[in-house]
PDB file of N, CA and C in Angstrom:
ATOM      1  N   UNK A   1       6.084  16.857  14.423  1.00  0.00           N
ATOM      2  CA  UNK A   1       6.028  15.407  14.414  1.00  0.00           C
ATOM      3  C   UNK A   1       5.243  14.945  15.639  1.00  0.00           C
ATOM      4  N   UNK A   2       4.475  13.909  15.435  1.00  0.00           N
ATOM      5  CA  UNK A   2       3.667  13.362  16.527  1.00  0.00           C
ATOM      6  C   UNK A   2       4.590  12.813  17.617  1.00  0.00           C
ATOM      7  N   UNK A   3       4.305  13.106  18.876  1.00  0.00           N
ATOM      8  CA  UNK A   3       5.183  12.652  19.975  1.00  0.00           C
ATOM      9  C   UNK A   3       5.372  11.134  20.021  1.00  0.00           C
ATOM     10  N   UNK A   4       4.329  10.359  19.700  1.00  0.00           N
ATOM     11  CA  UNK A   4       4.464   8.902  19.707  1.00  0.00           C
ATOM     12  C   UNK A   4       5.436   8.431  18.626  1.00  0.00           C
ATOM     13  N   UNK A   5       5.359   9.054  17.452  1.00  0.00           N
ATOM     14  CA  UNK A   5       6.280   8.688  16.371  1.00  0.00           C
ATOM     15  C   UNK A   5       7.703   9.072  16.735  1.00  0.00           C
ATOM     16  N   UNK A   6       7.865  10.241  17.316  1.00  0.00           N
ATOM     17  CA  UNK A   6       9.212  10.657  17.707  1.00  0.00           C
ATOM     18  C   UNK A   6       9.794   9.725  18.773  1.00  0.00           C
ATOM     19  N   UNK A   7       8.976   9.320  19.729  1.00  0.00           N
ATOM     20  CA  UNK A   7       9.453   8.391  20.757  1.00  0.00           C
ATOM     21  C   UNK A   7       9.837   7.046  20.146  1.00  0.00           C
ATOM     22  N   UNK A   8       9.066   6.593  19.160  1.00  0.00           N
ATOM     23  CA  UNK A   8       9.382   5.342  18.477  1.00  0.00           C
ATOM     24  C   UNK A   8      10.693   5.462  17.711  1.00  0.00           C
ATOM     25  N   UNK A   9      10.893   6.576  17.038  1.00  0.00           N
ATOM     26  CA  UNK A   9      12.138   6.793  16.287  1.00  0.00           C
ATOM     27  C   UNK A   9      13.334   6.911  17.227  1.00  0.00           C
ATOM     28  N   UNK A  10      13.142   7.529  18.369  1.00  0.00           N
ATOM     29  CA  UNK A  10      14.227   7.613  19.347  1.00  0.00           C
ATOM     30  C   UNK A  10      14.581   6.227  19.880  1.00  0.00           C
ATOM     31  N   UNK A  11      13.572   5.398  20.108  1.00  0.00           N
ATOM     32  CA  UNK A  11      13.823   4.030  20.565  1.00  0.00           C
ATOM     33  C   UNK A  11      14.523   3.221  19.479  1.00  0.00           C
ATOM     34  N   UNK A  12      14.136   3.434  18.229  1.00  0.00           N
ATOM     35  CA  UNK A  12      14.785   2.757  17.097  1.00  0.00           C
ATOM     36  C   UNK A  12      16.244   3.180  17.002  1.00  0.00           C
ATOM     37  N   UNK A  13      16.482   4.474  17.142  1.00  0.00           N
ATOM     38  CA  UNK A  13      17.846   5.002  17.103  1.00  0.00           C
ATOM     39  C   UNK A  13      18.677   4.417  18.243  1.00  0.00           C
ATOM     40  N   UNK A  14      18.118   4.382  19.424  1.00  0.00           N
ATOM     41  CA  UNK A  14      18.838   3.832  20.575  1.00  0.00           C
ATOM     42  C   UNK A  14      19.173   2.358  20.352  1.00  0.00           C
ATOM     43  N   UNK A  15      18.242   1.612  19.760  1.00  0.00           N
ATOM     44  CA  UNK A  15      18.488   0.189  19.492  1.00  0.00           C
ATOM     45  C   UNK A  15      19.607   0.016  18.470  1.00  0.00           C
ATOM     46  N   UNK A  16      19.657   0.897  17.478  1.00  0.00           N
ATOM     47  CA  UNK A  16      20.708   0.807  16.466  1.00  0.00           C
ATOM     48  C   UNK A  16      22.072   1.213  17.018  1.00  0.00           C
ATOM     49  N   UNK A  17      22.084   2.197  17.898  1.00  0.00           N
ATOM     50  CA  UNK A  17      23.338   2.762  18.391  1.00  0.00           C
ATOM     51  C   UNK A  17      23.834   2.141  19.695  1.00  0.00           C
ATOM     52  N   UNK A  18      23.039   1.295  20.311  1.00  0.00           N
ATOM     53  CA  UNK A  18      23.380   0.755  21.633  1.00  0.00           C
ATOM     54  C   UNK A  18      24.623  -0.126  21.579  1.00  0.00           C
ATOM     55  N   UNK A  19      25.389  -0.040  22.640  1.00  0.00           N
ATOM     56  CA  UNK A  19      26.537  -0.917  22.809  1.00  0.00           C
ATOM     57  C   UNK A  19      26.073  -2.281  23.285  1.00  0.00           C
ATOM     58  N   UNK A  20      27.009  -3.199  23.425  1.00  0.00           N
ATOM     59  CA  UNK A  20      26.647  -4.569  23.809  1.00  0.00           C
ATOM     60  C   UNK A  20      25.885  -4.666  25.130  1.00  0.00           C
ATOM     61  N   UNK A  21      26.190  -3.817  26.081  1.00  0.00           N
ATOM     62  CA  UNK A  21      25.540  -3.907  27.379  1.00  0.00           C
ATOM     63  C   UNK A  21      24.103  -3.405  27.352  1.00  0.00           C
ATOM     64  N   UNK A  22      23.795  -2.463  26.474  1.00  0.00           N
ATOM     65  CA  UNK A  22      22.459  -1.870  26.417  1.00  0.00           C
ATOM     66  C   UNK A  22      21.609  -2.395  25.271  1.00  0.00           C
ATOM     67  N   UNK A  23      22.197  -3.164  24.395  1.00  0.00           N
ATOM     68  CA  UNK A  23      21.519  -3.593  23.177  1.00  0.00           C
ATOM     69  C   UNK A  23      20.186  -4.286  23.447  1.00  0.00           C
ATOM     70  N   UNK A  24      20.180  -5.237  24.339  1.00  0.00           N
ATOM     71  CA  UNK A  24      18.965  -6.003  24.611  1.00  0.00           C
ATOM     72  C   UNK A  24      17.857  -5.118  25.162  1.00  0.00           C
ATOM     73  N   UNK A  25      18.188  -4.241  26.106  1.00  0.00           N
ATOM     74  CA  UNK A  25      17.185  -3.360  26.706  1.00  0.00           C
ATOM     75  C   UNK A  25      16.611  -2.402  25.662  1.00  0.00           C
ATOM     76  N   UNK A  26      17.482  -1.817  24.848  1.00  0.00           N
ATOM     77  CA  UNK A  26      17.025  -0.867  23.830  1.00  0.00           C
ATOM     78  C   UNK A  26      16.179  -1.566  22.765  1.00  0.00           C
ATOM     79  N   UNK A  27      16.587  -2.745  22.367  1.00  0.00           N
ATOM     80  CA  UNK A  27      15.827  -3.504  21.380  1.00  0.00           C
ATOM     81  C   UNK A  27      14.447  -3.852  21.940  1.00  0.00           C
ATOM     82  N   UNK A  28      14.400  -4.280  23.195  1.00  0.00           N
ATOM     83  CA  UNK A  28      13.120  -4.622  23.831  1.00  0.00           C
ATOM     84  C   UNK A  28      12.191  -3.406  23.912  1.00  0.00           C
ATOM     85  N   UNK A  29      12.758  -2.258  24.234  1.00  0.00           N
ATOM     86  CA  UNK A  29      11.936  -1.041  24.308  1.00  0.00           C
ATOM     87  C   UNK A  29      11.359  -0.696  22.938  1.00  0.00           C
ATOM     88  N   UNK A  30      12.187  -0.775  21.897  1.00  0.00           N
ATOM     89  CA  UNK A  30      11.694  -0.500  20.550  1.00  0.00           C
ATOM     90  C   UNK A  30      10.593  -1.491  20.166  1.00  0.00           C
ATOM     91  N   UNK A  31      10.824  -2.768  20.411  1.00  0.00           N
ATOM     92  CA  UNK A  31       9.842  -3.785  20.051  1.00  0.00           C
ATOM     93  C   UNK A  31       8.521  -3.575  20.807  1.00  0.00           C
ATOM     94  N   UNK A  32       8.586  -3.142  22.052  1.00  0.00           N
ATOM     95  CA  UNK A  32       7.362  -2.874  22.816  1.00  0.00           C
ATOM     96  C   UNK A  32       6.609  -1.686  22.227  1.00  0.00           C
ATOM     97  N   UNK A  33       7.337  -0.642  21.862  1.00  0.00           N
ATOM     98  CA  UNK A  33       6.679   0.519  21.238  1.00  0.00           C
ATOM     99  C   UNK A  33       6.059   0.129  19.903  1.00  0.00           C
ATOM    100  N   UNK A  34       6.751  -0.717  19.149  1.00  0.00           N
ATOM    101  CA  UNK A  34       6.217  -1.187  17.874  1.00  0.00           C
ATOM    102  C   UNK A  34       4.959  -2.032  18.102  1.00  0.00           C
ATOM    103  N   UNK A  35       4.988  -2.873  19.110  1.00  0.00           N
ATOM    104  CA  UNK A  35       3.828  -3.700  19.449  1.00  0.00           C
ATOM    105  C   UNK A  35       2.632  -2.821  19.819  1.00  0.00           C
ATOM    106  N   UNK A  36       2.880  -1.766  20.595  1.00  0.00           N
ATOM    107  CA  UNK A  36       1.815  -0.833  20.971  1.00  0.00           C
ATOM    108  C   UNK A  36       1.226  -0.153  19.732  1.00  0.00           C
ATOM    109  N   UNK A  37       2.101   0.239  18.808  1.00  0.00           N
ATOM    110  CA  UNK A  37       1.644   0.880  17.576  1.00  0.00           C
ATOM    111  C   UNK A  37       0.823  -0.092  16.741  1.00  0.00           C
ATOM    112  N   UNK A  38       1.249  -1.328  16.654  1.00  0.00           N
ATOM    113  CA  UNK A  38       0.490  -2.331  15.897  1.00  0.00           C
ATOM    114  C   UNK A  38      -0.894  -2.527  16.489  1.00  0.00           C
ATOM    115  N   UNK A  39      -0.999  -2.473  17.809  1.00  0.00           N
ATOM    116  CA  UNK A  39      -2.302  -2.633  18.455  1.00  0.00           C
ATOM    117  C   UNK A  39      -3.245  -1.488  18.095  1.00  0.00           C
ATOM    118  N   UNK A  40      -2.684  -0.302  17.859  1.00  0.00           N
ATOM    119  CA  UNK A  40      -3.502   0.871  17.515  1.00  0.00           C
ATOM    120  C   UNK A  40      -3.770   0.978  16.020  1.00  0.00           C
ATOM    121  N   UNK A  41      -3.093   0.161  15.214  1.00  0.00           N
ATOM    122  CA  UNK A  41      -3.258   0.236  13.762  1.00  0.00           C
ATOM    123  C   UNK A  41      -3.557  -1.143  13.179  1.00  0.00           C
ATOM    124  N   UNK A  42      -4.713  -1.708  13.525  1.00  0.00           N
ATOM    125  CA  UNK A  42      -5.050  -3.022  12.963  1.00  0.00           C
ATOM    126  C   UNK A  42      -5.186  -2.921  11.442  1.00  0.00           C
ATOM    127  N   UNK A  43      -4.818  -3.952  10.768  1.00  0.00           N
ATOM    128  CA  UNK A  43      -4.905  -3.946   9.311  1.00  0.00           C
ATOM    129  C   UNK A  43      -3.625  -3.500   8.637  1.00  0.00           C
ATOM    130  N   UNK A  44      -2.666  -3.004   9.413  1.00  0.00           N
ATOM    131  CA  UNK A  44      -1.369  -2.612   8.864  1.00  0.00           C
ATOM    132  C   UNK A  44      -0.376  -3.681   9.284  1.00  0.00           C
ATOM    133  N   UNK A  45       0.310  -4.240   8.315  1.00  0.00           N
ATOM    134  CA  UNK A  45       1.229  -5.334   8.624  1.00  0.00           C
ATOM    135  C   UNK A  45       2.470  -4.822   9.352  1.00  0.00           C
ATOM    136  N   UNK A  46       3.087  -5.726  10.064  1.00  0.00           N
ATOM    137  CA  UNK A  46       4.326  -5.372  10.768  1.00  0.00           C
ATOM    138  C   UNK A  46       5.410  -4.968   9.777  1.00  0.00           C
ATOM    139  N   UNK A  47       5.487  -5.673   8.648  1.00  0.00           N
ATOM    140  CA  UNK A  47       6.489  -5.317   7.637  1.00  0.00           C
ATOM    141  C   UNK A  47       6.273  -3.896   7.119  1.00  0.00           C
ATOM    142  N   UNK A  48       5.014  -3.529   6.895  1.00  0.00           N
ATOM    143  CA  UNK A  48       4.712  -2.165   6.433  1.00  0.00           C
ATOM    144  C   UNK A  48       5.136  -1.135   7.469  1.00  0.00           C
ATOM    145  N   UNK A  49       4.824  -1.405   8.737  1.00  0.00           N
ATOM    146  CA  UNK A  49       5.216  -0.473   9.797  1.00  0.00           C
ATOM    147  C   UNK A  49       6.733  -0.338   9.875  1.00  0.00           C
ATOM    148  N   UNK A  50       7.437  -1.462   9.789  1.00  0.00           N
ATOM    149  CA  UNK A  50       8.902  -1.406   9.855  1.00  0.00           C
ATOM    150  C   UNK A  50       9.472  -0.625   8.673  1.00  0.00           C
ATOM    151  N   UNK A  51       8.891  -0.781   7.488  1.00  0.00           N
ATOM    152  CA  UNK A  51       9.359  -0.021   6.327  1.00  0.00           C
ATOM    153  C   UNK A  51       9.133   1.474   6.517  1.00  0.00           C
ATOM    154  N   UNK A  52       7.970   1.836   7.040  1.00  0.00           N
ATOM    155  CA  UNK A  52       7.670   3.248   7.289  1.00  0.00           C
ATOM    156  C   UNK A  52       8.622   3.811   8.342  1.00  0.00           C
ATOM    157  N   UNK A  53       8.901   3.025   9.369  1.00  0.00           N
ATOM    158  CA  UNK A  53       9.815   3.475  10.424  1.00  0.00           C
ATOM    159  C   UNK A  53      11.208   3.720   9.849  1.00  0.00           C
ATOM    160  N   UNK A  54      11.676   2.816   8.999  1.00  0.00           N
ATOM    161  CA  UNK A  54      13.002   3.006   8.387  1.00  0.00           C
ATOM    162  C   UNK A  54      13.052   4.281   7.547  1.00  0.00           C
ATOM    163  N   UNK A  55      11.988   4.521   6.772  1.00  0.00           N
ATOM    164  CA  UNK A  55      11.945   5.744   5.963  1.00  0.00           C
ATOM    165  C   UNK A  55      11.889   6.988   6.840  1.00  0.00           C
ATOM    166  N   UNK A  56      11.016   6.962   7.835  1.00  0.00           N
ATOM    167  CA  UNK A  56      10.880   8.113   8.732  1.00  0.00           C
ATOM    168  C   UNK A  56      12.163   8.334   9.518  1.00  0.00           C
ATOM    169  N   UNK A  57      12.847   7.252   9.866  1.00  0.00           N
ATOM    170  CA  UNK A  57      14.093   7.365  10.628  1.00  0.00           C
ATOM    171  C   UNK A  57      15.142   8.132   9.838  1.00  0.00           C
ATOM    172  N   UNK A  58      15.258   7.853   8.560  1.00  0.00           N
ATOM    173  CA  UNK A  58      16.224   8.582   7.734  1.00  0.00           C
ATOM    174  C   UNK A  58      15.949  10.077   7.722  1.00  0.00           C
ATOM    175  N   UNK A  59      14.680  10.430   7.598  1.00  0.00           N
ATOM    176  CA  UNK A  59      14.305  11.849   7.597  1.00  0.00           C
ATOM    177  C   UNK A  59      14.526  12.462   8.980  1.00  0.00           C
ATOM    178  N   UNK A  60      14.151  11.725  10.017  1.00  0.00           N
ATOM    179  CA  UNK A  60      14.311  12.211  11.389  1.00  0.00           C
ATOM    180  C   UNK A  60      15.780  12.423  11.708  1.00  0.00           C
ATOM    181  N   UNK A  61      16.609  11.469  11.295  1.00  0.00           N
ATOM    182  CA  UNK A  61      18.042  11.554  11.568  1.00  0.00           C
ATOM    183  C   UNK A  61      18.658  12.767  10.879  1.00  0.00           C
ATOM    184  N   UNK A  62      18.254  13.018   9.654  1.00  0.00           N
ATOM    185  CA  UNK A  62      18.773  14.178   8.920  1.00  0.00           C
ATOM    186  C   UNK A  62      18.416  15.482   9.631  1.00  0.00           C
ATOM    187  N   UNK A  63      17.214  15.543  10.206  1.00  0.00           N
ATOM    188  CA  UNK A  63      16.797  16.747  10.923  1.00  0.00           C
ATOM    189  C   UNK A  63      17.520  16.905  12.256  1.00  0.00           C
ATOM    190  N   UNK A  64      17.988  15.788  12.830  1.00  0.00           N
ATOM    191  CA  UNK A  64      18.683  15.838  14.116  1.00  0.00           C
ATOM    192  C   UNK A  64      20.098  16.385  13.985  1.00  0.00           C
ATOM    193  N   UNK A  65      20.670  16.234  12.806  1.00  0.00           N
ATOM    194  CA  UNK A  65      22.040  16.683  12.596  1.00  0.00           C
ATOM    195  C   UNK A  65      22.052  18.191  12.390  1.00  0.00           C
ATOM    196  N   UNK A  66      22.763  18.850  13.213  1.00  0.00           N
ATOM    197  CA  UNK A  66      22.822  20.303  13.119  1.00  0.00           C
ATOM    198  C   UNK A  66      23.839  20.671  12.029  1.00  0.00           C
ATOM    199  N   UNK A  67      23.508  21.645  11.217  1.00  0.00           N
ATOM    200  CA  UNK A  67      24.473  22.039  10.176  1.00  0.00           C
ATOM    201  C   UNK A  67      25.717  22.648  10.807  1.00  0.00           C
ATOM    202  N   UNK A  68      26.826  22.371  10.200  1.00  0.00           N
ATOM    203  CA  UNK A  68      28.067  22.957  10.710  1.00  0.00           C
ATOM    204  C   UNK A  68      28.081  24.447  10.405  1.00  0.00           C
ATOM    205  N   UNK A  69      28.851  25.151  11.155  1.00  0.00           N
ATOM    206  CA  UNK A  69      28.962  26.594  10.952  1.00  0.00           C
ATOM    207  C   UNK A  69      29.648  26.853   9.614  1.00  0.00           C
ATOM    208  N   UNK A  70      29.150  27.845   8.928  1.00  0.00           N
ATOM    209  CA  UNK A  70      29.770  28.206   7.670  1.00  0.00           C
ATOM    210  C   UNK A  70      31.108  28.891   7.942  1.00  0.00           C
ATOM    211  N   UNK A  71      32.085  28.628   7.106  1.00  0.00           N
ATOM    212  CA  UNK A  71      33.377  29.306   7.306  1.00  0.00           C
ATOM    213  C   UNK A  71      33.224  30.799   7.012  1.00  0.00           C
ATOM    214  N   UNK A  72      34.028  31.614   7.663  1.00  0.00           N
ATOM    215  CA  UNK A  72      33.952  33.054   7.398  1.00  0.00           C
ATOM    216  C   UNK A  72      34.356  33.353   5.953  1.00  0.00           C
ATOM    217  N   UNK A  73      33.762  34.398   5.428  1.00  0.00           N
ATOM    218  CA  UNK A  73      34.101  34.795   4.052  1.00  0.00           C
ATOM    219  C   UNK A  73      35.514  35.390   4.037  1.00  0.00           C
ATOM    220  N   UNK A  74      36.229  35.080   2.989  1.00  0.00           N
ATOM    221  CA  UNK A  74      37.600  35.597   2.871  1.00  0.00           C
ATOM    222  C   UNK A  74      37.617  36.986   2.315  1.00  0.00           C
TER     223      UNK A  74
END
């Protein structure tokens, strides 16, 4: 995965998971990363980028979850 995309997804995750004290800072960081991405991708709407981020986030999140250990065979 591209490092910029991973950093954006991590910022998105932090914004979603942040508690009340960190929410504003995490949201601002995500929005700044999104703004930077929009500047590098003229012609792509913000709504399109947000939709792609949501889709990529689901896939990224699934990969972040480590599988539980299999139970021993009986």
